[in-house]
Amino acid sequence: MELVEPFFAALGVVLGGALIGSLATLFRRGSPLATMLLLARNMKMWGILVAIGGTMPTLRIIESGLFDGQLGLLLRQMVVILGSFAGANVAYWLVVTIAGVK
């Protein structure tokens, strides 16, 4: 459960943002696929941040894990970060695959 929710949250932010954001090319000249790739590349970090719930709570949990000896919290937060990182990268890979870029 700790890995699944951040994974799909990051995947949804990057994939949804790139797909919906590429609709902007309906109102201006440009390639929807190029816009989708650019948006997906730029939104990877935002997907990770959204999935982990922002930076301050994460930093507080990491701090308490390191300095208060609560290694369970630290390990749990690392799993959340890895899950969100994986979700954002899978979403980027899907956009690259959809666009047909090698």
PDB file of N, CA and C in Angstrom:
ATOM      1  N   MET A   1       0.819  -1.189   0.000  1.00  0.00           N
ATOM      2  CA  MET A   1       0.000   0.000   0.000  1.00  0.00           C
ATOM      3  C   MET A   1       0.865   1.256   0.000  1.00  0.00           C
ATOM      4  N   GLU A   2       1.968   1.224   0.723  1.00  0.00           N
ATOM      5  CA  GLU A   2       2.841   2.391   0.790  1.00  0.00           C
ATOM      6  C   GLU A   2       3.508   2.685  -0.549  1.00  0.00           C
ATOM      7  N   LEU A   3       3.636   1.683  -1.388  1.00  0.00           N
ATOM      8  CA  LEU A   3       4.299   1.865  -2.673  1.00  0.00           C
ATOM      9  C   LEU A   3       3.307   2.148  -3.789  1.00  0.00           C
ATOM     10  N   VAL A   4       2.110   1.611  -3.689  1.00  0.00           N
ATOM     11  CA  VAL A   4       1.141   1.681  -4.783  1.00  0.00           C
ATOM     12  C   VAL A   4       0.551   3.079  -4.938  1.00  0.00           C
ATOM     13  N   GLU A   5       0.124   3.706  -3.849  1.00  0.00           N
ATOM     14  CA  GLU A   5      -0.511   5.019  -3.944  1.00  0.00           C
ATOM     15  C   GLU A   5       0.425   6.094  -4.489  1.00  0.00           C
ATOM     16  N   PRO A   6       1.657   6.225  -3.978  1.00  0.00           N
ATOM     17  CA  PRO A   6       2.553   7.232  -4.557  1.00  0.00           C
ATOM     18  C   PRO A   6       2.901   6.941  -6.017  1.00  0.00           C
ATOM     19  N   PHE A   7       3.013   5.657  -6.358  1.00  0.00           N
ATOM     20  CA  PHE A   7       3.317   5.284  -7.735  1.00  0.00           C
ATOM     21  C   PHE A   7       2.249   5.814  -8.678  1.00  0.00           C
ATOM     22  N   PHE A   8       0.989   5.513  -8.367  1.00  0.00           N
ATOM     23  CA  PHE A   8      -0.092   5.921  -9.263  1.00  0.00           C
ATOM     24  C   PHE A   8      -0.394   7.411  -9.182  1.00  0.00           C
ATOM     25  N   ALA A   9      -0.132   8.032  -8.056  1.00  0.00           N
ATOM     26  CA  ALA A   9      -0.316   9.484  -7.967  1.00  0.00           C
ATOM     27  C   ALA A   9       0.675  10.198  -8.881  1.00  0.00           C
ATOM     28  N   ALA A  10       1.938   9.803  -8.826  1.00  0.00           N
ATOM     29  CA  ALA A  10       2.946  10.418  -9.693  1.00  0.00           C
ATOM     30  C   ALA A  10       2.679  10.094 -11.153  1.00  0.00           C
ATOM     31  N   LEU A  11       2.281   8.862 -11.426  1.00  0.00           N
ATOM     32  CA  LEU A  11       1.964   8.469 -12.795  1.00  0.00           C
ATOM     33  C   LEU A  11       0.807   9.309 -13.333  1.00  0.00           C
ATOM     34  N   GLY A  12      -0.210   9.516 -12.526  1.00  0.00           N
ATOM     35  CA  GLY A  12      -1.366  10.298 -12.954  1.00  0.00           C
ATOM     36  C   GLY A  12      -1.044  11.756 -13.195  1.00  0.00           C
ATOM     37  N   VAL A  13      -0.210  12.335 -12.349  1.00  0.00           N
ATOM     38  CA  VAL A  13       0.157  13.745 -12.527  1.00  0.00           C
ATOM     39  C   VAL A  13       0.917  13.936 -13.826  1.00  0.00           C
ATOM     40  N   VAL A  14       1.912  13.119 -14.066  1.00  0.00           N
ATOM     41  CA  VAL A  14       2.747  13.289 -15.259  1.00  0.00           C
ATOM     42  C   VAL A  14       1.980  12.920 -16.523  1.00  0.00           C
ATOM     43  N   LEU A  15       1.332  11.774 -16.515  1.00  0.00           N
ATOM     44  CA  LEU A  15       0.621  11.317 -17.707  1.00  0.00           C
ATOM     45  C   LEU A  15      -0.580  12.210 -18.013  1.00  0.00           C
ATOM     46  N   GLY A  16      -1.371  12.510 -17.008  1.00  0.00           N
ATOM     47  CA  GLY A  16      -2.535  13.370 -17.214  1.00  0.00           C
ATOM     48  C   GLY A  16      -2.151  14.780 -17.616  1.00  0.00           C
ATOM     49  N   GLY A  17      -1.139  15.323 -16.965  1.00  0.00           N
ATOM     50  CA  GLY A  17      -0.694  16.673 -17.302  1.00  0.00           C
ATOM     51  C   GLY A  17      -0.158  16.771 -18.714  1.00  0.00           C
ATOM     52  N   ALA A  18       0.574  15.759 -19.137  1.00  0.00           N
ATOM     53  CA  ALA A  18       1.134  15.778 -20.494  1.00  0.00           C
ATOM     54  C   ALA A  18       0.041  15.609 -21.544  1.00  0.00           C
ATOM     55  N   LEU A  19      -0.880  14.692 -21.299  1.00  0.00           N
ATOM     56  CA  LEU A  19      -1.945  14.456 -22.283  1.00  0.00           C
ATOM     57  C   LEU A  19      -2.903  15.640 -22.381  1.00  0.00           C
ATOM     58  N   ILE A  20      -3.360  16.139 -21.247  1.00  0.00           N
ATOM     59  CA  ILE A  20      -4.291  17.264 -21.255  1.00  0.00           C
ATOM     60  C   ILE A  20      -3.574  18.545 -21.679  1.00  0.00           C
ATOM     61  N   GLY A  21      -2.352  18.718 -21.241  1.00  0.00           N
ATOM     62  CA  GLY A  21      -1.592  19.910 -21.615  1.00  0.00           C
ATOM     63  C   GLY A  21      -1.297  19.992 -23.098  1.00  0.00           C
ATOM     64  N   SER A  22      -1.181  18.842 -23.747  1.00  0.00           N
ATOM     65  CA  SER A  22      -0.899  18.857 -25.187  1.00  0.00           C
ATOM     66  C   SER A  22      -2.101  19.334 -25.990  1.00  0.00           C
ATOM     67  N   LEU A  23      -3.266  19.397 -25.363  1.00  0.00           N
ATOM     68  CA  LEU A  23      -4.441  19.942 -26.049  1.00  0.00           C
ATOM     69  C   LEU A  23      -4.292  21.439 -26.333  1.00  0.00           C
ATOM     70  N   ALA A  24      -3.330  22.082 -25.701  1.00  0.00           N
ATOM     71  CA  ALA A  24      -3.080  23.504 -25.958  1.00  0.00           C
ATOM     72  C   ALA A  24      -2.678  23.745 -27.401  1.00  0.00           C
ATOM     73  N   THR A  25      -2.185  22.716 -28.072  1.00  0.00           N
ATOM     74  CA  THR A  25      -1.793  22.888 -29.473  1.00  0.00           C
ATOM     75  C   THR A  25      -3.006  23.053 -30.380  1.00  0.00           C
ATOM     76  N   LEU A  26      -4.206  22.825 -29.858  1.00  0.00           N
ATOM     77  CA  LEU A  26      -5.407  23.107 -30.646  1.00  0.00           C
ATOM     78  C   LEU A  26      -5.587  24.609 -30.849  1.00  0.00           C
ATOM     79  N   PHE A  27      -5.041  25.402 -29.930  1.00  0.00           N
ATOM     80  CA  PHE A  27      -5.206  26.851 -29.975  1.00  0.00           C
ATOM     81  C   PHE A  27      -3.980  27.582 -30.498  1.00  0.00           C
ATOM     82  N   ARG A  28      -2.935  26.867 -30.769  1.00  0.00           N
ATOM     83  CA  ARG A  28      -1.732  27.488 -31.329  1.00  0.00           C
ATOM     84  C   ARG A  28      -1.082  26.495 -32.277  1.00  0.00           C
ATOM     85  N   ARG A  29      -0.148  26.966 -33.024  1.00  0.00           N
ATOM     86  CA  ARG A  29       0.549  26.079 -33.954  1.00  0.00           C
ATOM     87  C   ARG A  29       1.600  25.280 -33.207  1.00  0.00           C
ATOM     88  N   GLY A  30       1.777  24.065 -33.616  1.00  0.00           N
ATOM     89  CA  GLY A  30       2.781  23.221 -32.988  1.00  0.00           C
ATOM     90  C   GLY A  30       2.367  21.767 -33.028  1.00  0.00           C
ATOM     91  N   SER A  31       3.294  20.949 -32.671  1.00  0.00           N
ATOM     92  CA  SER A  31       3.067  19.511 -32.671  1.00  0.00           C
ATOM     93  C   SER A  31       2.550  19.062 -31.306  1.00  0.00           C
ATOM     94  N   PRO A  32       1.419  18.366 -31.271  1.00  0.00           N
ATOM     95  CA  PRO A  32       0.926  17.862 -29.984  1.00  0.00           C
ATOM     96  C   PRO A  32       1.895  16.867 -29.336  1.00  0.00           C
ATOM     97  N   LEU A  33       2.564  16.056 -30.144  1.00  0.00           N
ATOM     98  CA  LEU A  33       3.497  15.074 -29.580  1.00  0.00           C
ATOM     99  C   LEU A  33       4.720  15.750 -28.974  1.00  0.00           C
ATOM    100  N   ALA A  34       5.230  16.785 -29.650  1.00  0.00           N
ATOM    101  CA  ALA A  34       6.381  17.508 -29.103  1.00  0.00           C
ATOM    102  C   ALA A  34       6.000  18.211 -27.805  1.00  0.00           C
ATOM    103  N   THR A  35       4.800  18.785 -27.779  1.00  0.00           N
ATOM    104  CA  THR A  35       4.324  19.442 -26.560  1.00  0.00           C
ATOM    105  C   THR A  35       4.146  18.431 -25.439  1.00  0.00           C
ATOM    106  N   MET A  36       3.610  17.257 -25.766  1.00  0.00           N
ATOM    107  CA  MET A  36       3.413  16.207 -24.773  1.00  0.00           C
ATOM    108  C   MET A  36       4.751  15.755 -24.188  1.00  0.00           C
ATOM    109  N   LEU A  37       5.757  15.591 -25.028  1.00  0.00           N
ATOM    110  CA  LEU A  37       7.083  15.192 -24.544  1.00  0.00           C
ATOM    111  C   LEU A  37       7.691  16.252 -23.637  1.00  0.00           C
ATOM    112  N   LEU A  38       7.592  17.504 -24.050  1.00  0.00           N
ATOM    113  CA  LEU A  38       8.148  18.599 -23.255  1.00  0.00           C
ATOM    114  C   LEU A  38       7.453  18.687 -21.895  1.00  0.00           C
ATOM    115  N   LEU A  39       6.139  18.602 -21.900  1.00  0.00           N
ATOM    116  CA  LEU A  39       5.397  18.671 -20.641  1.00  0.00           C
ATOM    117  C   LEU A  39       5.722  17.491 -19.731  1.00  0.00           C
ATOM    118  N   ALA A  40       5.804  16.302 -20.287  1.00  0.00           N
ATOM    119  CA  ALA A  40       6.113  15.122 -19.467  1.00  0.00           C
ATOM    120  C   ALA A  40       7.498  15.240 -18.847  1.00  0.00           C
ATOM    121  N   ARG A  41       8.454  15.725 -19.612  1.00  0.00           N
ATOM    122  CA  ARG A  41       9.818  15.885 -19.095  1.00  0.00           C
ATOM    123  C   ARG A  41       9.837  16.912 -17.961  1.00  0.00           C
ATOM    124  N   ASN A  42       9.102  18.008 -18.141  1.00  0.00           N
ATOM    125  CA  ASN A  42       9.096  19.069 -17.134  1.00  0.00           C
ATOM    126  C   ASN A  42       8.253  18.728 -15.905  1.00  0.00           C
ATOM    127  N   MET A  43       7.308  17.823 -16.040  1.00  0.00           N
ATOM    128  CA  MET A  43       6.395  17.520 -14.938  1.00  0.00           C
ATOM    129  C   MET A  43       6.829  16.329 -14.089  1.00  0.00           C
ATOM    130  N   LYS A  44       7.936  15.686 -14.433  1.00  0.00           N
ATOM    131  CA  LYS A  44       8.370  14.526 -13.653  1.00  0.00           C
ATOM    132  C   LYS A  44       8.608  14.890 -12.185  1.00  0.00           C
ATOM    133  N   MET A  45       9.302  15.976 -11.945  1.00  0.00           N
ATOM    134  CA  MET A  45       9.591  16.372 -10.565  1.00  0.00           C
ATOM    135  C   MET A  45       8.315  16.765  -9.825  1.00  0.00           C
ATOM    136  N   TRP A  46       7.388  17.421 -10.526  1.00  0.00           N
ATOM    137  CA  TRP A  46       6.120  17.793  -9.892  1.00  0.00           C
ATOM    138  C   TRP A  46       5.321  16.550  -9.514  1.00  0.00           C
ATOM    139  N   GLY A  47       5.363  15.547 -10.361  1.00  0.00           N
ATOM    140  CA  GLY A  47       4.672  14.302 -10.039  1.00  0.00           C
ATOM    141  C   GLY A  47       5.223  13.654  -8.782  1.00  0.00           C
ATOM    142  N   ILE A  48       6.540  13.676  -8.643  1.00  0.00           N
ATOM    143  CA  ILE A  48       7.175  13.104  -7.455  1.00  0.00           C
ATOM    144  C   ILE A  48       6.789  13.900  -6.213  1.00  0.00           C
ATOM    145  N   LEU A  49       6.836  15.237  -6.314  1.00  0.00           N
ATOM    146  CA  LEU A  49       6.500  16.075  -5.160  1.00  0.00           C
ATOM    147  C   LEU A  49       5.043  15.925  -4.739  1.00  0.00           C
ATOM    148  N   VAL A  50       4.151  15.839  -5.704  1.00  0.00           N
ATOM    149  CA  VAL A  50       2.736  15.645  -5.375  1.00  0.00           C
ATOM    150  C   VAL A  50       2.535  14.296  -4.691  1.00  0.00           C
ATOM    151  N   ALA A  51       3.193  13.275  -5.184  1.00  0.00           N
ATOM    152  CA  ALA A  51       3.001  11.927  -4.640  1.00  0.00           C
ATOM    153  C   ALA A  51       3.536  11.790  -3.216  1.00  0.00           C
ATOM    154  N   ILE A  52       4.615  12.487  -2.885  1.00  0.00           N
ATOM    155  CA  ILE A  52       5.140  12.375  -1.519  1.00  0.00           C
ATOM    156  C   ILE A  52       4.484  13.376  -0.580  1.00  0.00           C
ATOM    157  N   GLY A  53       3.622  14.238  -1.105  1.00  0.00           N
ATOM    158  CA  GLY A  53       2.876  15.150  -0.245  1.00  0.00           C
ATOM    159  C   GLY A  53       3.598  16.432   0.076  1.00  0.00           C
ATOM    160  N   GLY A  54       4.457  16.894  -0.781  1.00  0.00           N
ATOM    161  CA  GLY A  54       5.202  18.120  -0.511  1.00  0.00           C
ATOM    162  C   GLY A  54       6.536  17.804   0.127  1.00  0.00           C
ATOM    163  N   THR A  55       7.329  18.818   0.328  1.00  0.00           N
ATOM    164  CA  THR A  55       8.685  18.580   0.813  1.00  0.00           C
ATOM    165  C   THR A  55       8.826  18.679   2.320  1.00  0.00           C
ATOM    166  N   MET A  56       8.106  19.570   2.965  1.00  0.00           N
ATOM    167  CA  MET A  56       8.324  19.776   4.395  1.00  0.00           C
ATOM    168  C   MET A  56       7.925  18.574   5.253  1.00  0.00           C
ATOM    169  N   PRO A  57       6.757  17.990   5.061  1.00  0.00           N
ATOM    170  CA  PRO A  57       6.450  16.795   5.871  1.00  0.00           C
ATOM    171  C   PRO A  57       7.450  15.661   5.634  1.00  0.00           C
ATOM    172  N   THR A  58       7.891  15.528   4.404  1.00  0.00           N
ATOM    173  CA  THR A  58       8.867  14.485   4.089  1.00  0.00           C
ATOM    174  C   THR A  58      10.181  14.742   4.805  1.00  0.00           C
ATOM    175  N   LEU A  59      10.630  15.986   4.799  1.00  0.00           N
ATOM    176  CA  LEU A  59      11.878  16.318   5.485  1.00  0.00           C
ATOM    177  C   LEU A  59      11.753  16.118   6.994  1.00  0.00           C
ATOM    178  N   ARG A  60      10.595  16.424   7.562  1.00  0.00           N
ATOM    179  CA  ARG A  60      10.389  16.206   9.002  1.00  0.00           C
ATOM    180  C   ARG A  60      10.434  14.719   9.347  1.00  0.00           C
ATOM    181  N   ILE A  61       9.833  13.909   8.501  1.00  0.00           N
ATOM    182  CA  ILE A  61       9.842  12.458   8.757  1.00  0.00           C
ATOM    183  C   ILE A  61      11.254  11.907   8.634  1.00  0.00           C
ATOM    184  N   ILE A  62      11.995  12.359   7.618  1.00  0.00           N
ATOM    185  CA  ILE A  62      13.380  11.905   7.451  1.00  0.00           C
ATOM    186  C   ILE A  62      14.223  12.355   8.640  1.00  0.00           C
ATOM    187  N   GLU A  63      13.998  13.592   9.103  1.00  0.00           N
ATOM    188  CA  GLU A  63      14.735  14.096  10.262  1.00  0.00           C
ATOM    189  C   GLU A  63      14.445  13.263  11.510  1.00  0.00           C
ATOM    190  N   SER A  64      13.181  12.974  11.755  1.00  0.00           N
ATOM    191  CA  SER A  64      12.857  12.173  12.940  1.00  0.00           C
ATOM    192  C   SER A  64      13.384  10.748  12.803  1.00  0.00           C
ATOM    193  N   GLY A  65      13.441  10.255  11.588  1.00  0.00           N
ATOM    194  CA  GLY A  65      13.994   8.923  11.377  1.00  0.00           C
ATOM    195  C   GLY A  65      15.481   8.869  11.648  1.00  0.00           C
ATOM    196  N   LEU A  66      16.184   9.916  11.239  1.00  0.00           N
ATOM    197  CA  LEU A  66      17.634   9.938  11.420  1.00  0.00           C
ATOM    198  C   LEU A  66      18.043  10.300  12.848  1.00  0.00           C
ATOM    199  N   PHE A  67      17.455  11.371  13.380  1.00  0.00           N
ATOM    200  CA  PHE A  67      17.942  11.908  14.647  1.00  0.00           C
ATOM    201  C   PHE A  67      17.219  11.370  15.873  1.00  0.00           C
ATOM    202  N   ASP A  68      16.008  10.878  15.705  1.00  0.00           N
ATOM    203  CA  ASP A  68      15.276  10.317  16.838  1.00  0.00           C
ATOM    204  C   ASP A  68      15.326   8.796  16.858  1.00  0.00           C
ATOM    205  N   GLY A  69      16.005   8.216  15.895  1.00  0.00           N
ATOM    206  CA  GLY A  69      16.174   6.773  15.865  1.00  0.00           C
ATOM    207  C   GLY A  69      14.959   5.991  15.407  1.00  0.00           C
ATOM    208  N   GLN A  70      14.048   6.637  14.721  1.00  0.00           N
ATOM    209  CA  GLN A  70      12.851   5.956  14.228  1.00  0.00           C
ATOM    210  C   GLN A  70      13.112   5.466  12.806  1.00  0.00           C
ATOM    211  N   LEU A  71      13.814   4.371  12.711  1.00  0.00           N
ATOM    212  CA  LEU A  71      14.222   3.859  11.412  1.00  0.00           C
ATOM    213  C   LEU A  71      13.054   3.327  10.596  1.00  0.00           C
ATOM    214  N   GLY A  72      11.993   2.898  11.262  1.00  0.00           N
ATOM    215  CA  GLY A  72      10.800   2.434  10.548  1.00  0.00           C
ATOM    216  C   GLY A  72      10.173   3.550   9.726  1.00  0.00           C
ATOM    217  N   LEU A  73      10.083   4.750  10.318  1.00  0.00           N
ATOM    218  CA  LEU A  73       9.557   5.905   9.586  1.00  0.00           C
ATOM    219  C   LEU A  73      10.451   6.280   8.414  1.00  0.00           C
ATOM    220  N   LEU A  74      11.742   6.218   8.647  1.00  0.00           N
ATOM    221  CA  LEU A  74      12.693   6.551   7.589  1.00  0.00           C
ATOM    222  C   LEU A  74      12.577   5.570   6.430  1.00  0.00           C
ATOM    223  N   LEU A  75      12.495   4.297   6.726  1.00  0.00           N
ATOM    224  CA  LEU A  75      12.362   3.279   5.687  1.00  0.00           C
ATOM    225  C   LEU A  75      11.048   3.440   4.929  1.00  0.00           C
ATOM    226  N   ARG A  76       9.974   3.719   5.672  1.00  0.00           N
ATOM    227  CA  ARG A  76       8.671   3.917   5.041  1.00  0.00           C
ATOM    228  C   ARG A  76       8.687   5.114   4.093  1.00  0.00           C
ATOM    229  N   GLN A  77       9.324   6.195   4.498  1.00  0.00           N
ATOM    230  CA  GLN A  77       9.383   7.383   3.650  1.00  0.00           C
ATOM    231  C   GLN A  77      10.243   7.126   2.414  1.00  0.00           C
ATOM    232  N   MET A  78      11.289   6.351   2.549  1.00  0.00           N
ATOM    233  CA  MET A  78      12.111   6.010   1.392  1.00  0.00           C
ATOM    234  C   MET A  78      11.324   5.163   0.388  1.00  0.00           C
ATOM    235  N   VAL A  79      10.470   4.285   0.883  1.00  0.00           N
ATOM    236  CA  VAL A  79       9.620   3.487  -0.006  1.00  0.00           C
ATOM    237  C   VAL A  79       8.645   4.392  -0.750  1.00  0.00           C
ATOM    238  N   VAL A  80       8.088   5.384  -0.064  1.00  0.00           N
ATOM    239  CA  VAL A  80       7.174   6.338  -0.701  1.00  0.00           C
ATOM    240  C   VAL A  80       7.900   7.126  -1.783  1.00  0.00           C
ATOM    241  N   ILE A  81       9.109   7.578  -1.493  1.00  0.00           N
ATOM    242  CA  ILE A  81       9.887   8.345  -2.471  1.00  0.00           C
ATOM    243  C   ILE A  81      10.233   7.476  -3.672  1.00  0.00           C
ATOM    244  N   LEU A  82      10.653   6.241  -3.436  1.00  0.00           N
ATOM    245  CA  LEU A  82      10.974   5.337  -4.544  1.00  0.00           C
ATOM    246  C   LEU A  82       9.744   5.023  -5.385  1.00  0.00           C
ATOM    247  N   GLY A  83       8.603   4.837  -4.746  1.00  0.00           N
ATOM    248  CA  GLY A  83       7.366   4.573  -5.481  1.00  0.00           C
ATOM    249  C   GLY A  83       6.965   5.742  -6.355  1.00  0.00           C
ATOM    250  N   SER A  84       7.072   6.950  -5.821  1.00  0.00           N
ATOM    251  CA  SER A  84       6.708   8.123  -6.613  1.00  0.00           C
ATOM    252  C   SER A  84       7.706   8.355  -7.742  1.00  0.00           C
ATOM    253  N   PHE A  85       8.976   8.100  -7.483  1.00  0.00           N
ATOM    254  CA  PHE A  85       9.990   8.230  -8.531  1.00  0.00           C
ATOM    255  C   PHE A  85       9.724   7.234  -9.659  1.00  0.00           C
ATOM    256  N   ALA A  86       9.381   6.011  -9.285  1.00  0.00           N
ATOM    257  CA  ALA A  86       9.082   4.990 -10.296  1.00  0.00           C
ATOM    258  C   ALA A  86       7.839   5.357 -11.096  1.00  0.00           C
ATOM    259  N   GLY A  87       6.807   5.859 -10.440  1.00  0.00           N
ATOM    260  CA  GLY A  87       5.584   6.251 -11.138  1.00  0.00           C
ATOM    261  C   GLY A  87       5.813   7.371 -12.135  1.00  0.00           C
ATOM    262  N   ALA A  88       6.589   8.370 -11.746  1.00  0.00           N
ATOM    263  CA  ALA A  88       6.876   9.484 -12.650  1.00  0.00           C
ATOM    264  C   ALA A  88       7.690   9.011 -13.849  1.00  0.00           C
ATOM    265  N   ASN A  89       8.630   8.120 -13.623  1.00  0.00           N
ATOM    266  CA  ASN A  89       9.442   7.628 -14.734  1.00  0.00           C
ATOM    267  C   ASN A  89       8.664   6.697 -15.657  1.00  0.00           C
ATOM    268  N   VAL A  90       7.767   5.898 -15.111  1.00  0.00           N
ATOM    269  CA  VAL A  90       6.920   5.047 -15.955  1.00  0.00           C
ATOM    270  C   VAL A  90       6.007   5.912 -16.813  1.00  0.00           C
ATOM    271  N   ALA A  91       5.458   6.978 -16.232  1.00  0.00           N
ATOM    272  CA  ALA A  91       4.604   7.886 -17.003  1.00  0.00           C
ATOM    273  C   ALA A  91       5.394   8.544 -18.126  1.00  0.00           C
ATOM    274  N   TYR A  92       6.614   8.970 -17.840  1.00  0.00           N
ATOM    275  CA  TYR A  92       7.448   9.576 -18.880  1.00  0.00           C
ATOM    276  C   TYR A  92       7.749   8.556 -19.973  1.00  0.00           C
ATOM    277  N   TRP A  93       8.038   7.317 -19.575  1.00  0.00           N
ATOM    278  CA  TRP A  93       8.301   6.261 -20.555  1.00  0.00           C
ATOM    279  C   TRP A  93       7.079   6.025 -21.435  1.00  0.00           C
ATOM    280  N   LEU A  94       5.878   6.035 -20.833  1.00  0.00           N
ATOM    281  CA  LEU A  94       4.652   5.855 -21.610  1.00  0.00           C
ATOM    282  C   LEU A  94       4.458   6.980 -22.621  1.00  0.00           C
ATOM    283  N   VAL A  95       4.732   8.209 -22.218  1.00  0.00           N
ATOM    284  CA  VAL A  95       4.594   9.341 -23.142  1.00  0.00           C
ATOM    285  C   VAL A  95       5.601   9.216 -24.276  1.00  0.00           C
ATOM    286  N   VAL A  96       6.827   8.847 -23.961  1.00  0.00           N
ATOM    287  CA  VAL A  96       7.849   8.665 -25.003  1.00  0.00           C
ATOM    288  C   VAL A  96       7.434   7.547 -25.948  1.00  0.00           C
ATOM    289  N   THR A  97       6.865   6.477 -25.420  1.00  0.00           N
ATOM    290  CA  THR A  97       6.403   5.366 -26.247  1.00  0.00           C
ATOM    291  C   THR A  97       5.231   5.784 -27.123  1.00  0.00           C
ATOM    292  N   ILE A  98       4.288   6.524 -26.560  1.00  0.00           N
ATOM    293  CA  ILE A  98       3.150   7.015 -27.340  1.00  0.00           C
ATOM    294  C   ILE A  98       3.620   7.923 -28.465  1.00  0.00           C
ATOM    295  N   ALA A  99       4.592   8.771 -28.167  1.00  0.00           N
ATOM    296  CA  ALA A  99       5.097   9.713 -29.165  1.00  0.00           C
ATOM    297  C   ALA A  99       5.972   9.028 -30.207  1.00  0.00           C
ATOM    298  N   GLY A 100       6.449   7.839 -29.921  1.00  0.00           N
ATOM    299  CA  GLY A 100       7.268   7.104 -30.879  1.00  0.00           C
ATOM    300  C   GLY A 100       8.705   7.567 -30.949  1.00  0.00           C
ATOM    301  N   VAL A 101       9.196   8.177 -29.875  1.00  0.00           N
ATOM    302  CA  VAL A 101      10.576   8.655 -29.824  1.00  0.00           C
ATOM    303  C   VAL A 101      11.451   7.537 -29.292  1.00  0.00           C
ATOM    304  N   LYS A 102      12.637   7.405 -29.887  1.00  0.00           N
ATOM    305  CA  LYS A 102      13.557   6.363 -29.419  1.00  0.00           C
ATOM    306  C   LYS A 102      14.659   6.948 -28.608  1.00  0.00           C
TER     307      LYS A 102
END
